[in-house]
Amino acid sequence: MARIAGVNLPNDKRIEIALTYIYGIGRSRAVEIVEKTGVSPDVRVKDLTEQEVAILRREVEQHVVEGDLRRQVYASIQRLKDINAYRGIRHKRRLPVRGQRTRSNARTWKGPRASKAGKKR
């Protein structure tokens, strides 16, 4: 089992897919990393050599991933809250931030509907 950026990659997945288990690496970046390192995109994680794992690890370290990225995102949201920007206020109130309607949707953010008294039928 290969461990890259503090994440155990699943053994039976192709390396392109397995890299997406790292927070901050999606499909396009995973493909880019595999191309840069020269590792075959079809090879499974369990078939990687130690040298290939080391090369991949070095390439992933070039990007902001996992804990650093999570801290960066948290700091960005916290900055918006601190300066009382509109988006920060939406974050504080746990409402949609990107302009979605809230009259009929936004159940993920708002939680389950509150029941109204006397509304059985």
Protein backbone atom coordinates (compact mmCIF):
# COMPACT_ATOMS: atom_id res chain seq x y z
CA MET A 1 0.00 0.00 0.00
CA ALA A 2 1.47 3.31 -1.10
CA ARG A 3 1.32 6.25 1.29
CA ILE A 4 1.51 9.66 -0.36
CA ALA A 5 0.83 13.00 1.39
CA GLY A 6 -0.33 11.14 4.50
CA VAL A 7 -3.01 9.18 2.62
CA ASN A 8 -3.02 5.42 2.09
CA LEU A 9 -3.89 4.89 -1.56
CA PRO A 10 -6.19 1.94 -2.35
CA ASN A 11 -4.19 -0.99 -3.79
CA ASP A 12 -6.57 -2.17 -6.50
CA LYS A 13 -7.12 1.20 -8.20
CA ARG A 14 -5.23 2.58 -11.18
CA ILE A 15 -2.73 5.24 -10.10
CA GLU A 16 -4.65 8.01 -11.92
CA ILE A 17 -7.76 7.24 -9.86
CA ALA A 18 -5.94 6.47 -6.61
CA LEU A 19 -4.28 9.91 -6.56
CA THR A 20 -7.73 11.52 -6.41
CA TYR A 21 -8.11 10.10 -2.88
CA ILE A 22 -5.73 12.89 -1.80
CA TYR A 23 -7.61 16.08 -0.85
CA GLY A 24 -6.76 18.73 -3.43
CA ILE A 25 -6.03 16.36 -6.32
CA GLY A 26 -8.80 15.79 -8.84
CA ARG A 27 -8.82 13.85 -12.08
CA SER A 28 -7.10 16.48 -14.23
CA ARG A 29 -4.32 17.12 -11.73
CA ALA A 30 -3.84 13.37 -11.20
CA VAL A 31 -3.44 12.86 -14.96
CA GLU A 32 -1.00 15.78 -15.07
CA ILE A 33 1.10 14.32 -12.22
CA VAL A 34 1.21 10.87 -13.81
CA GLU A 35 2.28 12.35 -17.17
CA LYS A 36 5.01 14.47 -15.55
CA THR A 37 6.49 11.56 -13.63
CA GLY A 38 6.43 9.16 -16.56
CA VAL A 39 4.60 6.46 -14.59
CA SER A 40 2.18 4.39 -16.68
CA PRO A 41 -1.39 5.57 -16.01
CA ASP A 42 -2.68 1.98 -16.24
CA VAL A 43 -0.48 0.56 -13.47
CA ARG A 44 -2.24 -0.41 -10.22
CA VAL A 45 -1.03 1.00 -6.91
CA LYS A 46 0.00 -2.45 -5.66
CA ASP A 47 2.29 -2.88 -8.71
CA LEU A 48 4.21 0.39 -8.17
CA THR A 49 7.90 0.13 -7.34
CA GLU A 50 9.37 2.05 -4.40
CA GLN A 51 11.18 4.31 -6.86
CA GLU A 52 7.92 5.19 -8.67
CA VAL A 53 6.21 5.90 -5.34
CA ALA A 54 9.07 8.21 -4.37
CA ILE A 55 8.82 10.07 -7.70
CA LEU A 56 5.05 10.46 -7.30
CA ARG A 57 5.47 11.62 -3.69
CA ARG A 58 7.96 14.31 -4.77
CA GLU A 59 5.61 15.53 -7.52
CA VAL A 60 2.57 15.65 -5.19
CA GLU A 61 4.61 17.71 -2.69
CA GLN A 62 4.83 20.44 -5.35
CA HIS A 63 1.08 21.10 -4.87
CA VAL A 64 -0.86 22.38 -1.86
CA VAL A 65 -2.79 19.32 -0.63
CA GLU A 66 -4.41 17.76 2.44
CA GLY A 67 -3.90 19.64 5.75
CA ASP A 68 -2.30 22.74 4.24
CA LEU A 69 -5.10 23.13 1.72
CA ARG A 70 -7.78 22.56 4.36
CA ARG A 71 -6.18 25.27 6.54
CA GLN A 72 -6.00 27.61 3.56
CA VAL A 73 -9.71 27.12 2.74
CA TYR A 74 -10.68 27.57 6.41
CA ALA A 75 -8.60 30.77 6.62
CA SER A 76 -10.24 32.17 3.48
CA ILE A 77 -13.72 31.56 4.87
CA GLN A 78 -12.69 32.96 8.26
CA ARG A 79 -11.35 36.11 6.57
CA LEU A 80 -14.71 36.66 4.85
CA LYS A 81 -16.49 36.24 8.19
CA ASP A 82 -14.11 38.65 9.97
CA ILE A 83 -14.55 41.48 7.47
CA ASN A 84 -18.33 40.93 7.44
CA ALA A 85 -18.44 40.43 3.70
CA TYR A 86 -21.77 39.27 2.27
CA ARG A 87 -20.33 35.81 1.61
CA GLY A 88 -18.97 35.71 5.15
CA ILE A 89 -22.39 36.52 6.58
CA ARG A 90 -23.92 33.72 4.50
CA HIS A 91 -21.30 31.32 5.90
CA LYS A 92 -22.06 32.45 9.47
CA ARG A 93 -25.80 31.90 9.00
CA ARG A 94 -25.23 28.52 7.33
CA LEU A 95 -27.06 29.59 4.17
CA PRO A 96 -26.07 29.12 0.52
CA VAL A 97 -23.19 31.42 -0.39
CA ARG A 98 -23.34 31.48 -4.17
CA GLY A 99 -26.69 33.10 -4.88
CA GLN A 100 -28.95 30.05 -4.86
CA ARG A 101 -32.61 30.49 -3.95
CA THR A 102 -33.61 29.57 -0.42
CA ARG A 103 -37.39 29.80 -0.58
CA SER A 104 -37.92 26.30 -1.93
CA ASN A 105 -34.50 24.65 -1.80
CA ALA A 106 -31.30 24.77 0.31
CA ARG A 107 -32.38 21.85 2.51
CA THR A 108 -28.80 20.65 2.88
CA TRP A 109 -27.81 23.93 4.51
CA LYS A 110 -31.03 24.66 6.37
CA GLY A 111 -31.69 21.13 7.63
CA PRO A 112 -35.00 19.26 7.66
CA ARG A 113 -38.17 21.29 7.32
CA ALA A 114 -39.64 22.53 10.59
CA SER A 115 -43.16 21.14 10.96
CA LYS A 116 -46.05 23.59 11.06
CA ALA A 117 -48.72 23.24 13.75
CA GLY A 118 -52.06 21.97 12.45
CA LYS A 119 -50.75 20.90 9.05
CA LYS A 120 -51.81 17.25 8.79
CA ARG A 121 -53.85 17.15 5.60
